[in-house]
Amino acid sequence: MIIGILMLFVGVALWFWTGRREFKRTNSSGVQEFSSYSSAAASRLLELLSNLVGLVLVIGGGLIAYFDVDVFRDPRMSRATQACEEFVAESMVSKPSLVDRMRTYTLDSWERSGAIVVDVGYKEAFGDRGTQLCVYNEAEGTLSLPSPFNEFKWRK
């Protein structure tokens, strides 16, 4: 999220810089003045490119900040979320043939007591929905689903 906000800030700063350059060379009649044709062409090209880069930064930064996409995600966290989604899907269905119809998705993930905790949302084929915590301990090579009685020690 910090990367997204930083990208937004840099994009807006580029737009501000471009606008300030245009404002400084505009005379009282509203006409932009240049010392030569080549400086006019170079300035216009530079400002066009900076506006495009600013636009890409603002849109990309906004999307990253909005969706909280972690571009530099920890590979351990990625392995944990994938393993937990599969584990919850297999553990929550009543018949093994329905595993393919179980939809799981990661709501959040964090580290607690040396393990990675993943909050997995699920939707079964017939409409049941819910969330389940999954504890992934890479050092021990274990996956577990805490019961409601000890779930509090894994919560954020």
C-alpha atoms as a PDB file:
ATOM      1  CA  MET A   1       0.000   0.000   0.000  1.00  0.00           C
ATOM      2  CA  ILE A   2       2.892   2.366   0.730  1.00  0.00           C
ATOM      3  CA  ILE A   3       4.243   1.793  -2.779  1.00  0.00           C
ATOM      4  CA  GLY A   4       0.842   2.725  -4.227  1.00  0.00           C
ATOM      5  CA  ILE A   5       0.647   5.930  -2.220  1.00  0.00           C
ATOM      6  CA  LEU A   6       4.218   6.809  -3.198  1.00  0.00           C
ATOM      7  CA  MET A   7       3.371   6.229  -6.871  1.00  0.00           C
ATOM      8  CA  LEU A   8       0.318   8.486  -6.512  1.00  0.00           C
ATOM      9  CA  PHE A   9       2.436  11.211  -4.940  1.00  0.00           C
ATOM     10  CA  VAL A  10       5.127  11.069  -7.653  1.00  0.00           C
ATOM     11  CA  GLY A  11       2.500  11.072 -10.424  1.00  0.00           C
ATOM     12  CA  VAL A  12       0.757  14.143  -9.021  1.00  0.00           C
ATOM     13  CA  ALA A  13       4.147  15.842  -8.513  1.00  0.00           C
ATOM     14  CA  LEU A  14       4.955  15.253 -12.195  1.00  0.00           C
ATOM     15  CA  TRP A  15       1.639  16.808 -13.214  1.00  0.00           C
ATOM     16  CA  PHE A  16       2.291  19.762 -10.935  1.00  0.00           C
ATOM     17  CA  TRP A  17       5.822  20.215 -12.349  1.00  0.00           C
ATOM     18  CA  THR A  18       4.483  20.163 -15.930  1.00  0.00           C
ATOM     19  CA  GLY A  19       1.748  22.656 -15.152  1.00  0.00           C
ATOM     20  CA  ARG A  20       4.200  24.947 -13.392  1.00  0.00           C
ATOM     21  CA  ARG A  21       6.543  24.934 -16.426  1.00  0.00           C
ATOM     22  CA  GLU A  22       3.634  25.856 -18.714  1.00  0.00           C
ATOM     23  CA  PHE A  23       2.458  28.569 -16.322  1.00  0.00           C
ATOM     24  CA  LYS A  24       5.913  30.174 -16.051  1.00  0.00           C
ATOM     25  CA  ARG A  25       6.314  30.626 -19.805  1.00  0.00           C
ATOM     26  CA  THR A  26       2.784  31.924 -20.414  1.00  0.00           C
ATOM     27  CA  ASN A  27       2.560  35.704 -20.954  1.00  0.00           C
ATOM     28  CA  SER A  28      -0.226  38.032 -19.821  1.00  0.00           C
ATOM     29  CA  SER A  29      -2.170  37.328 -23.037  1.00  0.00           C
ATOM     30  CA  GLY A  30      -2.208  33.598 -22.299  1.00  0.00           C
ATOM     31  CA  VAL A  31       0.272  32.684 -25.041  1.00  0.00           C
ATOM     32  CA  GLN A  32       3.227  30.429 -24.265  1.00  0.00           C
ATOM     33  CA  GLU A  33       6.570  31.983 -25.238  1.00  0.00           C
ATOM     34  CA  PHE A  34       9.640  30.005 -26.309  1.00  0.00           C
ATOM     35  CA  SER A  35      13.104  31.217 -27.290  1.00  0.00           C
ATOM     36  CA  SER A  36      13.212  29.008 -30.408  1.00  0.00           C
ATOM     37  CA  TYR A  37      11.251  26.402 -32.297  1.00  0.00           C
ATOM     38  CA  SER A  38      13.508  23.581 -31.091  1.00  0.00           C
ATOM     39  CA  SER A  39      13.013  24.549 -27.442  1.00  0.00           C
ATOM     40  CA  ALA A  40       9.239  24.636 -28.038  1.00  0.00           C
ATOM     41  CA  ALA A  41       9.289  21.157 -29.602  1.00  0.00           C
ATOM     42  CA  ALA A  42      11.558  19.735 -26.894  1.00  0.00           C
ATOM     43  CA  SER A  43       9.453  21.261 -24.098  1.00  0.00           C
ATOM     44  CA  ARG A  44       6.217  19.945 -25.571  1.00  0.00           C
ATOM     45  CA  LEU A  45       7.697  16.444 -25.965  1.00  0.00           C
ATOM     46  CA  LEU A  46       9.129  16.443 -22.435  1.00  0.00           C
ATOM     47  CA  GLU A  47       5.843  17.618 -20.961  1.00  0.00           C
ATOM     48  CA  LEU A  48       3.829  15.089 -22.946  1.00  0.00           C
ATOM     49  CA  LEU A  49       6.057  12.264 -21.710  1.00  0.00           C
ATOM     50  CA  SER A  50       5.981  13.482 -18.099  1.00  0.00           C
ATOM     51  CA  ASN A  51       2.182  13.743 -18.235  1.00  0.00           C
ATOM     52  CA  LEU A  52       1.926  10.184 -19.585  1.00  0.00           C
ATOM     53  CA  VAL A  53       4.323   8.832 -16.952  1.00  0.00           C
ATOM     54  CA  GLY A  54       2.378  10.765 -14.302  1.00  0.00           C
ATOM     55  CA  LEU A  55      -0.884   9.269 -15.547  1.00  0.00           C
ATOM     56  CA  VAL A  56       0.517   5.730 -15.432  1.00  0.00           C
ATOM     57  CA  LEU A  57       1.872   6.343 -11.918  1.00  0.00           C
ATOM     58  CA  VAL A  58      -1.429   7.786 -10.661  1.00  0.00           C
ATOM     59  CA  ILE A  59      -3.550   4.983 -12.129  1.00  0.00           C
ATOM     60  CA  GLY A  60      -1.134   2.233 -11.076  1.00  0.00           C
ATOM     61  CA  GLY A  61      -0.621   3.727  -7.624  1.00  0.00           C
ATOM     62  CA  GLY A  62      -4.348   4.140  -7.145  1.00  0.00           C
ATOM     63  CA  LEU A  63      -5.015   0.529  -8.079  1.00  0.00           C
ATOM     64  CA  ILE A  64      -2.230  -0.755  -5.845  1.00  0.00           C
ATOM     65  CA  ALA A  65      -3.407   1.381  -2.926  1.00  0.00           C
ATOM     66  CA  TYR A  66      -7.086   0.488  -3.456  1.00  0.00           C
ATOM     67  CA  PHE A  67      -6.633  -3.255  -3.834  1.00  0.00           C
ATOM     68  CA  ASP A  68      -3.691  -3.358  -1.417  1.00  0.00           C
ATOM     69  CA  VAL A  69      -1.696  -5.339  -3.924  1.00  0.00           C
ATOM     70  CA  ASP A  70       1.668  -6.160  -2.469  1.00  0.00           C
ATOM     71  CA  VAL A  71       3.975  -6.107  -5.491  1.00  0.00           C
ATOM     72  CA  PHE A  72       6.956  -7.255  -3.464  1.00  0.00           C
ATOM     73  CA  ARG A  73       5.125 -10.001  -1.598  1.00  0.00           C
ATOM     74  CA  ASP A  74       7.126 -12.305   0.619  1.00  0.00           C
ATOM     75  CA  PRO A  75       7.393 -15.717  -1.111  1.00  0.00           C
ATOM     76  CA  ARG A  76       6.714 -17.480   2.206  1.00  0.00           C
ATOM     77  CA  MET A  77       3.416 -15.602   2.451  1.00  0.00           C
ATOM     78  CA  SER A  78       2.488 -16.661  -1.104  1.00  0.00           C
ATOM     79  CA  ARG A  79       3.226 -20.325  -0.353  1.00  0.00           C
ATOM     80  CA  ALA A  80       1.247 -20.097   2.883  1.00  0.00           C
ATOM     81  CA  THR A  81      -1.840 -18.554   1.271  1.00  0.00           C
ATOM     82  CA  GLN A  82      -1.881 -21.093  -1.555  1.00  0.00           C
ATOM     83  CA  ALA A  83      -1.388 -24.055   0.803  1.00  0.00           C
ATOM     84  CA  CYS A  84      -4.038 -22.793   3.226  1.00  0.00           C
ATOM     85  CA  GLU A  85      -6.613 -22.193   0.496  1.00  0.00           C
ATOM     86  CA  GLU A  86      -6.180 -25.773  -0.723  1.00  0.00           C
ATOM     87  CA  PHE A  87      -6.184 -27.152   2.836  1.00  0.00           C
ATOM     88  CA  VAL A  88      -9.386 -25.303   3.781  1.00  0.00           C
ATOM     89  CA  ALA A  89     -11.087 -26.487   0.584  1.00  0.00           C
ATOM     90  CA  GLU A  90     -10.203 -30.110   1.337  1.00  0.00           C
ATOM     91  CA  SER A  91     -11.085 -29.854   5.044  1.00  0.00           C
ATOM     92  CA  MET A  92     -14.413 -28.062   4.746  1.00  0.00           C
ATOM     93  CA  VAL A  93     -16.239 -30.199   2.176  1.00  0.00           C
ATOM     94  CA  SER A  94     -18.252 -33.211   3.263  1.00  0.00           C
ATOM     95  CA  LYS A  95     -17.543 -35.284   0.126  1.00  0.00           C
ATOM     96  CA  PRO A  96     -14.150 -35.409  -1.648  1.00  0.00           C
ATOM     97  CA  SER A  97     -15.875 -35.125  -5.028  1.00  0.00           C
ATOM     98  CA  LEU A  98     -17.071 -31.608  -4.105  1.00  0.00           C
ATOM     99  CA  VAL A  99     -13.578 -30.135  -3.563  1.00  0.00           C
ATOM    100  CA  ASP A 100     -13.580 -28.746  -7.108  1.00  0.00           C
ATOM    101  CA  ARG A 101     -16.774 -26.831  -6.368  1.00  0.00           C
ATOM    102  CA  MET A 102     -15.375 -25.180  -3.228  1.00  0.00           C
ATOM    103  CA  ARG A 103     -14.182 -21.621  -3.862  1.00  0.00           C
ATOM    104  CA  THR A 104     -11.563 -20.269  -1.461  1.00  0.00           C
ATOM    105  CA  TYR A 105      -9.849 -16.891  -1.337  1.00  0.00           C
ATOM    106  CA  THR A 106      -7.436 -15.152   1.012  1.00  0.00           C
ATOM    107  CA  LEU A 107      -8.878 -12.331   3.072  1.00  0.00           C
ATOM    108  CA  ASP A 108      -5.732 -11.463   5.022  1.00  0.00           C
ATOM    109  CA  SER A 109      -2.452 -12.957   6.217  1.00  0.00           C
ATOM    110  CA  TRP A 110      -0.046 -12.142   9.025  1.00  0.00           C
ATOM    111  CA  GLU A 111       2.679 -13.661  11.190  1.00  0.00           C
ATOM    112  CA  ARG A 112       2.061 -14.775  14.780  1.00  0.00           C
ATOM    113  CA  SER A 113       4.217 -16.899  17.100  1.00  0.00           C
ATOM    114  CA  GLY A 114       6.625 -17.938  14.345  1.00  0.00           C
ATOM    115  CA  ALA A 115       3.858 -19.145  12.031  1.00  0.00           C
ATOM    116  CA  ILE A 116       1.933 -17.544   9.183  1.00  0.00           C
ATOM    117  CA  VAL A 117      -1.782 -17.157   9.826  1.00  0.00           C
ATOM    118  CA  VAL A 118      -4.093 -16.919   6.823  1.00  0.00           C
ATOM    119  CA  ASP A 119      -7.733 -15.869   7.049  1.00  0.00           C
ATOM    120  CA  VAL A 120      -9.396 -17.877   4.268  1.00  0.00           C
ATOM    121  CA  GLY A 121     -12.870 -17.133   2.989  1.00  0.00           C
ATOM    122  CA  TYR A 122     -14.811 -19.943   1.367  1.00  0.00           C
ATOM    123  CA  LYS A 123     -18.016 -20.531  -0.550  1.00  0.00           C
ATOM    124  CA  GLU A 124     -19.339 -24.037  -0.992  1.00  0.00           C
ATOM    125  CA  ALA A 125     -21.140 -25.226  -4.084  1.00  0.00           C
ATOM    126  CA  PHE A 126     -24.525 -25.067  -2.386  1.00  0.00           C
ATOM    127  CA  GLY A 127     -24.218 -21.579  -0.941  1.00  0.00           C
ATOM    128  CA  ASP A 128     -22.612 -21.994   2.491  1.00  0.00           C
ATOM    129  CA  ARG A 129     -20.130 -19.196   3.130  1.00  0.00           C
ATOM    130  CA  GLY A 130     -17.701 -18.490   5.905  1.00  0.00           C
ATOM    131  CA  THR A 131     -14.162 -17.829   6.988  1.00  0.00           C
ATOM    132  CA  GLN A 132     -11.579 -20.059   8.561  1.00  0.00           C
ATOM    133  CA  LEU A 133      -8.181 -19.316  10.041  1.00  0.00           C
ATOM    134  CA  CYS A 134      -5.349 -21.502   8.831  1.00  0.00           C
ATOM    135  CA  VAL A 135      -1.970 -21.696  10.581  1.00  0.00           C
ATOM    136  CA  TYR A 136       0.990 -22.477   8.339  1.00  0.00           C
ATOM    137  CA  ASN A 137       4.218 -23.393  10.103  1.00  0.00           C
ATOM    138  CA  GLU A 138       6.898 -23.783   7.456  1.00  0.00           C
ATOM    139  CA  ALA A 139       9.632 -24.772   9.928  1.00  0.00           C
ATOM    140  CA  GLU A 140       7.605 -27.729  11.215  1.00  0.00           C
ATOM    141  CA  GLY A 141       5.910 -28.386   7.876  1.00  0.00           C
ATOM    142  CA  THR A 142       2.407 -28.276   9.381  1.00  0.00           C
ATOM    143  CA  LEU A 143      -0.962 -26.828   8.462  1.00  0.00           C
ATOM    144  CA  SER A 144      -3.752 -26.580  11.008  1.00  0.00           C
ATOM    145  CA  LEU A 145      -7.214 -25.115  11.404  1.00  0.00           C
ATOM    146  CA  PRO A 146      -7.606 -23.669  14.909  1.00  0.00           C
ATOM    147  CA  SER A 147     -10.831 -24.469  16.712  1.00  0.00           C
ATOM    148  CA  PRO A 148     -13.137 -21.628  17.823  1.00  0.00           C
ATOM    149  CA  PHE A 149     -11.843 -22.106  21.386  1.00  0.00           C
ATOM    150  CA  ASN A 150      -8.207 -21.331  20.588  1.00  0.00           C
ATOM    151  CA  GLU A 151      -8.721 -19.149  17.514  1.00  0.00           C
ATOM    152  CA  PHE A 152      -8.286 -15.977  19.616  1.00  0.00           C
ATOM    153  CA  LYS A 153      -4.542 -16.583  20.080  1.00  0.00           C
ATOM    154  CA  TRP A 154      -4.031 -16.485  16.288  1.00  0.00           C
ATOM    155  CA  ARG A 155      -6.166 -13.416  15.556  1.00  0.00           C
ATOM    156  CA  LYS A 156      -4.569 -10.069  14.744  1.00  0.00           C
END
